[in-house]
N, C-alpha and C. Protein backbone atom coordinates (compact mmCIF):
# COMPACT_ATOMS: atom_id res chain seq x y z
N UNK A 1 -138.86 36.21 115.94
CA UNK A 1 -138.40 35.49 114.77
C UNK A 1 -136.88 35.57 114.65
N UNK A 2 -136.31 36.71 115.04
CA UNK A 2 -134.85 36.87 114.91
C UNK A 2 -134.12 35.96 115.89
N UNK A 3 -134.77 35.61 117.02
CA UNK A 3 -134.10 34.75 117.99
C UNK A 3 -133.96 33.32 117.49
N UNK A 4 -134.67 32.95 116.43
CA UNK A 4 -134.53 31.63 115.82
C UNK A 4 -133.58 31.67 114.62
N UNK A 5 -133.62 32.75 113.87
CA UNK A 5 -132.82 32.85 112.65
C UNK A 5 -131.35 33.11 112.96
N UNK A 6 -131.06 34.02 113.88
CA UNK A 6 -129.68 34.40 114.18
C UNK A 6 -128.84 33.23 114.71
N UNK A 7 -129.31 32.46 115.68
CA UNK A 7 -128.49 31.31 116.10
C UNK A 7 -128.31 30.27 115.00
N UNK A 8 -129.31 30.09 114.16
CA UNK A 8 -129.19 29.13 113.06
C UNK A 8 -128.11 29.58 112.08
N UNK A 9 -128.08 30.86 111.76
CA UNK A 9 -127.06 31.39 110.84
C UNK A 9 -125.67 31.27 111.47
N UNK A 10 -125.55 31.58 112.75
CA UNK A 10 -124.25 31.47 113.43
C UNK A 10 -123.79 30.03 113.45
N UNK A 11 -124.69 29.10 113.73
CA UNK A 11 -124.34 27.69 113.75
C UNK A 11 -123.90 27.20 112.37
N UNK A 12 -124.58 27.62 111.33
CA UNK A 12 -124.21 27.23 109.97
C UNK A 12 -122.84 27.79 109.60
N UNK A 13 -122.56 29.03 109.98
CA UNK A 13 -121.25 29.62 109.69
C UNK A 13 -120.14 28.90 110.45
N UNK A 14 -120.40 28.51 111.69
CA UNK A 14 -119.39 27.77 112.46
C UNK A 14 -119.13 26.42 111.80
N UNK A 15 -120.18 25.76 111.35
CA UNK A 15 -120.00 24.46 110.69
C UNK A 15 -119.22 24.61 109.39
N UNK A 16 -119.52 25.64 108.61
CA UNK A 16 -118.84 25.84 107.32
C UNK A 16 -117.37 26.16 107.53
N UNK A 17 -117.04 27.03 108.49
CA UNK A 17 -115.67 27.48 108.68
C UNK A 17 -114.97 26.80 109.84
N UNK A 18 -115.39 25.58 110.22
CA UNK A 18 -114.82 24.87 111.36
C UNK A 18 -113.32 24.64 111.19
N UNK A 19 -112.88 24.21 110.03
CA UNK A 19 -111.46 23.92 109.81
C UNK A 19 -110.60 25.19 109.88
N UNK A 20 -111.09 26.29 109.31
CA UNK A 20 -110.31 27.54 109.36
C UNK A 20 -110.22 28.06 110.79
N UNK A 21 -111.30 27.96 111.55
CA UNK A 21 -111.28 28.38 112.95
C UNK A 21 -110.32 27.50 113.73
N UNK A 22 -110.36 26.21 113.47
CA UNK A 22 -109.49 25.27 114.16
C UNK A 22 -108.01 25.55 113.86
N UNK A 23 -107.69 25.79 112.61
CA UNK A 23 -106.31 26.11 112.24
C UNK A 23 -105.84 27.42 112.86
N UNK A 24 -106.71 28.41 112.90
CA UNK A 24 -106.35 29.71 113.50
C UNK A 24 -106.06 29.56 114.99
N UNK A 25 -106.92 28.85 115.71
CA UNK A 25 -106.69 28.67 117.14
C UNK A 25 -105.47 27.80 117.41
N UNK A 26 -105.22 26.83 116.56
CA UNK A 26 -104.05 25.98 116.73
C UNK A 26 -102.76 26.77 116.51
N UNK A 27 -102.76 27.67 115.54
CA UNK A 27 -101.55 28.45 115.28
C UNK A 27 -101.33 29.54 116.34
N UNK A 28 -102.41 30.14 116.84
CA UNK A 28 -102.27 31.23 117.81
C UNK A 28 -102.06 30.72 119.24
N UNK A 29 -102.88 29.76 119.68
CA UNK A 29 -102.89 29.38 121.08
C UNK A 29 -102.41 27.96 121.34
N UNK A 30 -102.05 27.22 120.27
CA UNK A 30 -101.58 25.84 120.39
C UNK A 30 -102.58 24.94 121.12
N UNK A 31 -103.86 25.12 120.84
CA UNK A 31 -104.89 24.29 121.44
C UNK A 31 -105.88 23.91 120.35
N UNK A 32 -106.34 22.68 120.41
CA UNK A 32 -107.28 22.21 119.40
C UNK A 32 -108.70 22.62 119.79
N UNK A 33 -109.49 22.94 118.79
CA UNK A 33 -110.85 23.39 119.02
C UNK A 33 -111.73 22.27 119.53
N UNK A 34 -111.39 21.03 119.23
CA UNK A 34 -112.20 19.91 119.69
C UNK A 34 -112.22 19.84 121.21
N UNK A 35 -111.09 20.11 121.85
CA UNK A 35 -111.04 20.10 123.30
C UNK A 35 -111.91 21.21 123.88
N UNK A 36 -111.88 22.38 123.27
CA UNK A 36 -112.70 23.49 123.73
C UNK A 36 -114.17 23.16 123.58
N UNK A 37 -114.55 22.56 122.46
CA UNK A 37 -115.95 22.21 122.23
C UNK A 37 -116.43 21.18 123.24
N UNK A 38 -115.61 20.21 123.56
CA UNK A 38 -115.99 19.20 124.55
C UNK A 38 -116.15 19.82 125.93
N UNK A 39 -115.25 20.70 126.31
CA UNK A 39 -115.33 21.37 127.61
C UNK A 39 -116.58 22.22 127.70
N UNK A 40 -116.90 22.96 126.65
CA UNK A 40 -118.09 23.80 126.64
C UNK A 40 -119.35 22.95 126.71
N UNK A 41 -119.38 21.85 125.99
CA UNK A 41 -120.53 20.95 126.04
C UNK A 41 -120.74 20.38 127.43
N UNK A 42 -119.67 19.97 128.08
CA UNK A 42 -119.78 19.44 129.44
C UNK A 42 -120.26 20.51 130.40
N UNK A 43 -119.74 21.73 130.27
CA UNK A 43 -120.17 22.82 131.14
C UNK A 43 -121.65 23.14 130.96
N UNK A 44 -122.12 23.13 129.72
CA UNK A 44 -123.53 23.38 129.45
C UNK A 44 -124.39 22.30 130.08
N UNK A 45 -123.98 21.05 129.95
CA UNK A 45 -124.73 19.96 130.55
C UNK A 45 -124.76 20.06 132.07
N UNK A 46 -123.65 20.45 132.68
CA UNK A 46 -123.60 20.62 134.14
C UNK A 46 -124.51 21.74 134.58
N UNK A 47 -124.47 22.86 133.89
CA UNK A 47 -125.33 23.99 134.24
C UNK A 47 -126.81 23.62 134.08
N UNK A 48 -127.15 22.95 133.02
CA UNK A 48 -128.54 22.53 132.83
C UNK A 48 -128.99 21.55 133.90
N UNK A 49 -128.14 20.63 134.26
CA UNK A 49 -128.52 19.68 135.31
C UNK A 49 -128.66 20.38 136.66
N UNK A 50 -127.80 21.35 136.93
CA UNK A 50 -127.93 22.12 138.18
C UNK A 50 -129.21 22.94 138.19
N UNK A 51 -129.55 23.54 137.07
CA UNK A 51 -130.78 24.31 137.00
C UNK A 51 -132.01 23.43 137.16
N UNK A 52 -131.95 22.24 136.63
CA UNK A 52 -133.08 21.33 136.78
C UNK A 52 -133.17 20.77 138.20
N UNK A 53 -132.04 20.65 138.86
CA UNK A 53 -132.03 20.12 140.22
C UNK A 53 -132.59 21.11 141.22
N UNK A 54 -132.22 22.38 141.09
CA UNK A 54 -132.65 23.40 142.07
C UNK A 54 -133.89 24.12 141.64
């Protein structure tokens, strides 16, 4: 049961604090969070397709 609740809570917290996280990363590392999210999404899709292929 915890494996369903914990990711849901983490996802909700990320959605709620998206702007604050984005501002923090922009001020510290001069990179926008949207680019990181797109890169992570593409990597996940590539890994899933590789796992399905082999």
